[in-house]
Amino acid sequence: MNAQLVEAHFNAALALHQLGRHEEATQFFVRAGELDPENQSILTSTLYRNHLGLSSTLERHMSGGYRYQDKK
């Protein structure tokens, strides 16, 4: 596992999130999690959890994550 590759995917996800490109951000969050599934910095990230639908309703509301999740 290449830690720099994991960090690059996670940072790309953060940047895309800031740009409002949430669908793309989710793809990069997923890949970062796949590359290092035990990385607690990733797994406990509020944005990661929101984009992957892992947050509770309260977490999403507190962080504003409910605004950008797909309404499927």
PDB file of N, CA and C in Angstrom:
ATOM      1  N   MET A   1       0.830  -1.173   0.000  1.00  0.00           N
ATOM      2  CA  MET A   1       0.000   0.000   0.000  1.00  0.00           C
ATOM      3  C   MET A   1       0.882   1.247   0.000  1.00  0.00           C
ATOM      4  N   ASN A   2       0.603   2.135  -0.892  1.00  0.00           N
ATOM      5  CA  ASN A   2       1.359   3.370  -1.009  1.00  0.00           C
ATOM      6  C   ASN A   2       0.599   4.487  -0.276  1.00  0.00           C
ATOM      7  N   ALA A   3       1.126   4.918   0.860  1.00  0.00           N
ATOM      8  CA  ALA A   3       0.454   5.928   1.683  1.00  0.00           C
ATOM      9  C   ALA A   3       0.248   7.236   0.925  1.00  0.00           C
ATOM     10  N   GLN A   4       1.185   7.586   0.062  1.00  0.00           N
ATOM     11  CA  GLN A   4       1.043   8.830  -0.707  1.00  0.00           C
ATOM     12  C   GLN A   4      -0.124   8.740  -1.684  1.00  0.00           C
ATOM     13  N   LEU A   5      -0.352   7.564  -2.249  1.00  0.00           N
ATOM     14  CA  LEU A   5      -1.465   7.369  -3.171  1.00  0.00           C
ATOM     15  C   LEU A   5      -2.797   7.510  -2.428  1.00  0.00           C
ATOM     16  N   VAL A   6      -2.863   6.946  -1.231  1.00  0.00           N
ATOM     17  CA  VAL A   6      -4.065   7.063  -0.402  1.00  0.00           C
ATOM     18  C   VAL A   6      -4.326   8.536  -0.088  1.00  0.00           C
ATOM     19  N   GLU A   7      -3.295   9.222   0.346  1.00  0.00           N
ATOM     20  CA  GLU A   7      -3.420  10.642   0.692  1.00  0.00           C
ATOM     21  C   GLU A   7      -3.834  11.469  -0.527  1.00  0.00           C
ATOM     22  N   ALA A   8      -3.304  11.142  -1.686  1.00  0.00           N
ATOM     23  CA  ALA A   8      -3.660  11.864  -2.911  1.00  0.00           C
ATOM     24  C   ALA A   8      -5.143  11.704  -3.232  1.00  0.00           C
ATOM     25  N   HIS A   9      -5.652  10.483  -3.102  1.00  0.00           N
ATOM     26  CA  HIS A   9      -7.081  10.258  -3.353  1.00  0.00           C
ATOM     27  C   HIS A   9      -7.945  11.002  -2.334  1.00  0.00           C
ATOM     28  N   PHE A  10      -7.552  10.947  -1.086  1.00  0.00           N
ATOM     29  CA  PHE A  10      -8.320  11.617  -0.043  1.00  0.00           C
ATOM     30  C   PHE A  10      -8.308  13.132  -0.256  1.00  0.00           C
ATOM     31  N   ASN A  11      -7.137  13.687  -0.575  1.00  0.00           N
ATOM     32  CA  ASN A  11      -7.029  15.129  -0.812  1.00  0.00           C
ATOM     33  C   ASN A  11      -7.804  15.557  -2.052  1.00  0.00           C
ATOM     34  N   ALA A  12      -7.802  14.715  -3.090  1.00  0.00           N
ATOM     35  CA  ALA A  12      -8.597  15.016  -4.287  1.00  0.00           C
ATOM     36  C   ALA A  12     -10.081  15.050  -3.927  1.00  0.00           C
ATOM     37  N   ALA A  13     -10.505  14.110  -3.081  1.00  0.00           N
ATOM     38  CA  ALA A  13     -11.901  14.081  -2.636  1.00  0.00           C
ATOM     39  C   ALA A  13     -12.251  15.359  -1.887  1.00  0.00           C
ATOM     40  N   LEU A  14     -11.370  15.798  -1.008  1.00  0.00           N
ATOM     41  CA  LEU A  14     -11.615  17.027  -0.252  1.00  0.00           C
ATOM     42  C   LEU A  14     -11.723  18.233  -1.186  1.00  0.00           C
ATOM     43  N   ALA A  15     -10.823  18.302  -2.168  1.00  0.00           N
ATOM     44  CA  ALA A  15     -10.841  19.424  -3.110  1.00  0.00           C
ATOM     45  C   ALA A  15     -12.121  19.416  -3.944  1.00  0.00           C
ATOM     46  N   LEU A  16     -12.503  18.254  -4.427  1.00  0.00           N
ATOM     47  CA  LEU A  16     -13.730  18.153  -5.227  1.00  0.00           C
ATOM     48  C   LEU A  16     -14.956  18.507  -4.396  1.00  0.00           C
ATOM     49  N   HIS A  17     -14.947  18.108  -3.146  1.00  0.00           N
ATOM     50  CA  HIS A  17     -16.046  18.478  -2.248  1.00  0.00           C
ATOM     51  C   HIS A  17     -16.151  19.997  -2.146  1.00  0.00           C
ATOM     52  N   GLN A  18     -15.022  20.660  -1.945  1.00  0.00           N
ATOM     53  CA  GLN A  18     -15.010  22.115  -1.817  1.00  0.00           C
ATOM     54  C   GLN A  18     -15.499  22.802  -3.091  1.00  0.00           C
ATOM     55  N   LEU A  19     -15.279  22.153  -4.224  1.00  0.00           N
ATOM     56  CA  LEU A  19     -15.722  22.704  -5.506  1.00  0.00           C
ATOM     57  C   LEU A  19     -17.193  22.400  -5.796  1.00  0.00           C
ATOM     58  N   GLY A  20     -17.818  21.640  -4.906  1.00  0.00           N
ATOM     59  CA  GLY A  20     -19.220  21.284  -5.104  1.00  0.00           C
ATOM     60  C   GLY A  20     -19.420  20.116  -6.048  1.00  0.00           C
ATOM     61  N   ARG A  21     -18.348  19.418  -6.364  1.00  0.00           N
ATOM     62  CA  ARG A  21     -18.410  18.270  -7.280  1.00  0.00           C
ATOM     63  C   ARG A  21     -18.503  16.996  -6.436  1.00  0.00           C
ATOM     64  N   HIS A  22     -19.650  16.833  -5.785  1.00  0.00           N
ATOM     65  CA  HIS A  22     -19.807  15.819  -4.754  1.00  0.00           C
ATOM     66  C   HIS A  22     -19.825  14.384  -5.286  1.00  0.00           C
ATOM     67  N   GLU A  23     -20.361  14.190  -6.459  1.00  0.00           N
ATOM     68  CA  GLU A  23     -20.365  12.839  -7.033  1.00  0.00           C
ATOM     69  C   GLU A  23     -18.929  12.361  -7.277  1.00  0.00           C
ATOM     70  N   GLU A  24     -18.112  13.224  -7.841  1.00  0.00           N
ATOM     71  CA  GLU A  24     -16.711  12.884  -8.079  1.00  0.00           C
ATOM     72  C   GLU A  24     -15.965  12.722  -6.758  1.00  0.00           C
ATOM     73  N   ALA A  25     -16.254  13.586  -5.796  1.00  0.00           N
ATOM     74  CA  ALA A  25     -15.608  13.499  -4.480  1.00  0.00           C
ATOM     75  C   ALA A  25     -15.885  12.133  -3.865  1.00  0.00           C
ATOM     76  N   THR A  26     -17.123  11.675  -3.974  1.00  0.00           N
ATOM     77  CA  THR A  26     -17.483  10.378  -3.408  1.00  0.00           C
ATOM     78  C   THR A  26     -16.634   9.266  -4.008  1.00  0.00           C
ATOM     79  N   GLN A  27     -16.395   9.314  -5.309  1.00  0.00           N
ATOM     80  CA  GLN A  27     -15.575   8.290  -5.969  1.00  0.00           C
ATOM     81  C   GLN A  27     -14.161   8.274  -5.390  1.00  0.00           C
ATOM     82  N   PHE A  28     -13.599   9.436  -5.147  1.00  0.00           N
ATOM     83  CA  PHE A  28     -12.247   9.500  -4.581  1.00  0.00           C
ATOM     84  C   PHE A  28     -12.226   9.082  -3.119  1.00  0.00           C
ATOM     85  N   PHE A  29     -13.280   9.422  -2.368  1.00  0.00           N
ATOM     86  CA  PHE A  29     -13.374   8.948  -0.983  1.00  0.00           C
ATOM     87  C   PHE A  29     -13.441   7.425  -0.950  1.00  0.00           C
ATOM     88  N   VAL A  30     -14.242   6.853  -1.823  1.00  0.00           N
ATOM     89  CA  VAL A  30     -14.365   5.391  -1.881  1.00  0.00           C
ATOM     90  C   VAL A  30     -13.008   4.770  -2.165  1.00  0.00           C
ATOM     91  N   ARG A  31     -12.310   5.295  -3.145  1.00  0.00           N
ATOM     92  CA  ARG A  31     -11.008   4.724  -3.525  1.00  0.00           C
ATOM     93  C   ARG A  31      -9.999   4.853  -2.387  1.00  0.00           C
ATOM     94  N   ALA A  32      -9.978   5.979  -1.710  1.00  0.00           N
ATOM     95  CA  ALA A  32      -9.058   6.150  -0.571  1.00  0.00           C
ATOM     96  C   ALA A  32      -9.352   5.101   0.494  1.00  0.00           C
ATOM     97  N   GLY A  33     -10.624   4.873   0.777  1.00  0.00           N
ATOM     98  CA  GLY A  33     -11.006   3.857   1.756  1.00  0.00           C
ATOM     99  C   GLY A  33     -10.641   2.451   1.316  1.00  0.00           C
ATOM    100  N   GLU A  34     -10.746   2.189   0.027  1.00  0.00           N
ATOM    101  CA  GLU A  34     -10.378   0.870  -0.501  1.00  0.00           C
ATOM    102  C   GLU A  34      -8.868   0.644  -0.400  1.00  0.00           C
ATOM    103  N   LEU A  35      -8.107   1.686  -0.663  1.00  0.00           N
ATOM    104  CA  LEU A  35      -6.652   1.565  -0.648  1.00  0.00           C
ATOM    105  C   LEU A  35      -6.097   1.347   0.759  1.00  0.00           C
ATOM    106  N   ASP A  36      -6.763   1.916   1.752  1.00  0.00           N
ATOM    107  CA  ASP A  36      -6.295   1.770   3.139  1.00  0.00           C
ATOM    108  C   ASP A  36      -7.502   1.637   4.067  1.00  0.00           C
ATOM    109  N   PRO A  37      -8.127   0.456   4.065  1.00  0.00           N
ATOM    110  CA  PRO A  37      -9.379   0.260   4.794  1.00  0.00           C
ATOM    111  C   PRO A  37      -9.253   0.326   6.316  1.00  0.00           C
ATOM    112  N   GLU A  38      -8.041   0.446   6.832  1.00  0.00           N
ATOM    113  CA  GLU A  38      -7.870   0.525   8.282  1.00  0.00           C
ATOM    114  C   GLU A  38      -7.348   1.888   8.730  1.00  0.00           C
ATOM    115  N   ASN A  39      -7.297   2.835   7.812  1.00  0.00           N
ATOM    116  CA  ASN A  39      -6.799   4.176   8.122  1.00  0.00           C
ATOM    117  C   ASN A  39      -7.871   4.946   8.892  1.00  0.00           C
ATOM    118  N   GLN A  40      -7.644   5.129  10.177  1.00  0.00           N
ATOM    119  CA  GLN A  40      -8.631   5.774  11.038  1.00  0.00           C
ATOM    120  C   GLN A  40      -8.850   7.244  10.684  1.00  0.00           C
ATOM    121  N   SER A  41      -7.851   7.900  10.140  1.00  0.00           N
ATOM    122  CA  SER A  41      -8.022   9.297   9.726  1.00  0.00           C
ATOM    123  C   SER A  41      -9.063   9.412   8.622  1.00  0.00           C
ATOM    124  N   ILE A  42      -9.081   8.435   7.748  1.00  0.00           N
ATOM    125  CA  ILE A  42     -10.070   8.413   6.673  1.00  0.00           C
ATOM    126  C   ILE A  42     -11.420   7.965   7.220  1.00  0.00           C
ATOM    127  N   LEU A  43     -11.427   6.843   7.906  1.00  0.00           N
ATOM    128  CA  LEU A  43     -12.677   6.233   8.360  1.00  0.00           C
ATOM    129  C   LEU A  43     -13.472   7.102   9.318  1.00  0.00           C
ATOM    130  N   THR A  44     -12.803   7.975  10.054  1.00  0.00           N
ATOM    131  CA  THR A  44     -13.511   8.827  11.006  1.00  0.00           C
ATOM    132  C   THR A  44     -13.758  10.233  10.475  1.00  0.00           C
ATOM    133  N   SER A  45     -13.337  10.494   9.248  1.00  0.00           N
ATOM    134  CA  SER A  45     -13.561  11.804   8.639  1.00  0.00           C
ATOM    135  C   SER A  45     -15.061  12.012   8.416  1.00  0.00           C
ATOM    136  N   THR A  46     -15.564  13.136   8.878  1.00  0.00           N
ATOM    137  CA  THR A  46     -16.986  13.448   8.716  1.00  0.00           C
ATOM    138  C   THR A  46     -17.374  13.508   7.247  1.00  0.00           C
ATOM    139  N   LEU A  47     -16.542  14.131   6.426  1.00  0.00           N
ATOM    140  CA  LEU A  47     -16.870  14.225   5.001  1.00  0.00           C
ATOM    141  C   LEU A  47     -16.877  12.848   4.342  1.00  0.00           C
ATOM    142  N   TYR A  48     -15.895  12.017   4.679  1.00  0.00           N
ATOM    143  CA  TYR A  48     -15.856  10.647   4.160  1.00  0.00           C
ATOM    144  C   TYR A  48     -17.143   9.927   4.542  1.00  0.00           C
ATOM    145  N   ARG A  49     -17.497   9.994   5.812  1.00  0.00           N
ATOM    146  CA  ARG A  49     -18.690   9.303   6.313  1.00  0.00           C
ATOM    147  C   ARG A  49     -19.956   9.846   5.650  1.00  0.00           C
ATOM    148  N   ASN A  50     -20.041  11.151   5.470  1.00  0.00           N
ATOM    149  CA  ASN A  50     -21.212  11.733   4.813  1.00  0.00           C
ATOM    150  C   ASN A  50     -21.326  11.287   3.362  1.00  0.00           C
ATOM    151  N   HIS A  51     -20.229  11.354   2.632  1.00  0.00           N
ATOM    152  CA  HIS A  51     -20.263  11.009   1.212  1.00  0.00           C
ATOM    153  C   HIS A  51     -20.582   9.534   0.988  1.00  0.00           C
ATOM    154  N   LEU A  52     -20.183   8.687   1.907  1.00  0.00           N
ATOM    155  CA  LEU A  52     -20.456   7.266   1.746  1.00  0.00           C
ATOM    156  C   LEU A  52     -21.754   6.828   2.420  1.00  0.00           C
ATOM    157  N   GLY A  53     -22.475   7.773   2.990  1.00  0.00           N
ATOM    158  CA  GLY A  53     -23.744   7.455   3.622  1.00  0.00           C
ATOM    159  C   GLY A  53     -23.593   6.698   4.928  1.00  0.00           C
ATOM    160  N   LEU A  54     -22.471   6.879   5.603  1.00  0.00           N
ATOM    161  CA  LEU A  54     -22.196   6.157   6.846  1.00  0.00           C
ATOM    162  C   LEU A  54     -22.539   6.977   8.084  1.00  0.00           C
ATOM    163  N   SER A  55     -22.847   8.241   7.892  1.00  0.00           N
ATOM    164  CA  SER A  55     -23.126   9.126   9.025  1.00  0.00           C
ATOM    165  C   SER A  55     -24.552   8.933   9.521  1.00  0.00           C
ATOM    166  N   SER A  56     -24.733   9.175  10.787  1.00  0.00           N
ATOM    167  CA  SER A  56     -26.081   9.178  11.339  1.00  0.00           C
ATOM    168  C   SER A  56     -26.782  10.453  10.873  1.00  0.00           C
ATOM    169  N   THR A  57     -28.076  10.508  11.040  1.00  0.00           N
ATOM    170  CA  THR A  57     -28.831  11.702  10.677  1.00  0.00           C
ATOM    171  C   THR A  57     -28.312  12.914  11.435  1.00  0.00           C
ATOM    172  N   LEU A  58     -28.024  12.740  12.711  1.00  0.00           N
ATOM    173  CA  LEU A  58     -27.501  13.851  13.509  1.00  0.00           C
ATOM    174  C   LEU A  58     -26.154  14.338  12.967  1.00  0.00           C
ATOM    175  N   GLU A  59     -25.250  13.388  12.656  1.00  0.00           N
ATOM    176  CA  GLU A  59     -23.940  13.771  12.103  1.00  0.00           C
ATOM    177  C   GLU A  59     -24.108  14.559  10.807  1.00  0.00           C
ATOM    178  N   ARG A  60     -24.987  14.077   9.930  1.00  0.00           N
ATOM    179  CA  ARG A  60     -25.199  14.764   8.650  1.00  0.00           C
ATOM    180  C   ARG A  60     -25.752  16.164   8.881  1.00  0.00           C
ATOM    181  N   HIS A  61     -26.687  16.288   9.780  1.00  0.00           N
ATOM    182  CA  HIS A  61     -27.285  17.592  10.047  1.00  0.00           C
ATOM    183  C   HIS A  61     -26.257  18.558  10.639  1.00  0.00           C
ATOM    184  N   MET A  62     -25.477  18.085  11.605  1.00  0.00           N
ATOM    185  CA  MET A  62     -24.486  18.935  12.274  1.00  0.00           C
ATOM    186  C   MET A  62     -23.409  19.418  11.308  1.00  0.00           C
ATOM    187  N   SER A  63     -23.049  18.584  10.334  1.00  0.00           N
ATOM    188  CA  SER A  63     -21.971  18.950   9.413  1.00  0.00           C
ATOM    189  C   SER A  63     -22.482  19.569   8.119  1.00  0.00           C
ATOM    190  N   GLY A  64     -23.785  19.584   7.921  1.00  0.00           N
ATOM    191  CA  GLY A  64     -24.337  20.105   6.675  1.00  0.00           C
ATOM    192  C   GLY A  64     -24.304  19.097   5.549  1.00  0.00           C
ATOM    193  N   GLY A  65     -23.949  17.852   5.838  1.00  0.00           N
ATOM    194  CA  GLY A  65     -23.826  16.815   4.806  1.00  0.00           C
ATOM    195  C   GLY A  65     -25.117  16.478   4.113  1.00  0.00           C
ATOM    196  N   TYR A  66     -26.241  16.757   4.736  1.00  0.00           N
ATOM    197  CA  TYR A  66     -27.524  16.461   4.118  1.00  0.00           C
ATOM    198  C   TYR A  66     -27.741  17.289   2.854  1.00  0.00           C
ATOM    199  N   ARG A  67     -26.999  18.370   2.705  1.00  0.00           N
ATOM    200  CA  ARG A  67     -27.189  19.264   1.551  1.00  0.00           C
ATOM    201  C   ARG A  67     -26.670  18.685   0.244  1.00  0.00           C
ATOM    202  N   TYR A  68     -25.694  17.810   0.295  1.00  0.00           N
ATOM    203  CA  TYR A  68     -25.087  17.363  -0.956  1.00  0.00           C
ATOM    204  C   TYR A  68     -25.246  15.892  -1.224  1.00  0.00           C
ATOM    205  N   GLN A  69     -25.899  15.163  -0.371  1.00  0.00           N
ATOM    206  CA  GLN A  69     -26.102  13.750  -0.665  1.00  0.00           C
ATOM    207  C   GLN A  69     -27.189  13.591  -1.704  1.00  0.00           C
ATOM    208  N   ASP A  70     -27.017  12.566  -2.561  1.00  0.00           N
ATOM    209  CA  ASP A  70     -28.021  12.273  -3.572  1.00  0.00           C
ATOM    210  C   ASP A  70     -29.336  11.924  -2.912  1.00  0.00           C
ATOM    211  N   LYS A  71     -30.378  12.411  -3.480  1.00  0.00           N
ATOM    212  CA  LYS A  71     -31.713  12.065  -3.007  1.00  0.00           C
ATOM    213  C   LYS A  71     -32.264  11.001  -3.967  1.00  0.00           C
ATOM    214  N   LYS A  72     -31.939   9.757  -3.682  1.00  0.00           N
ATOM    215  CA  LYS A  72     -32.351   8.653  -4.586  1.00  0.00           C
ATOM    216  C   LYS A  72     -33.630   8.029  -4.124  1.00  0.00           C
TER     217      LYS A  72
END
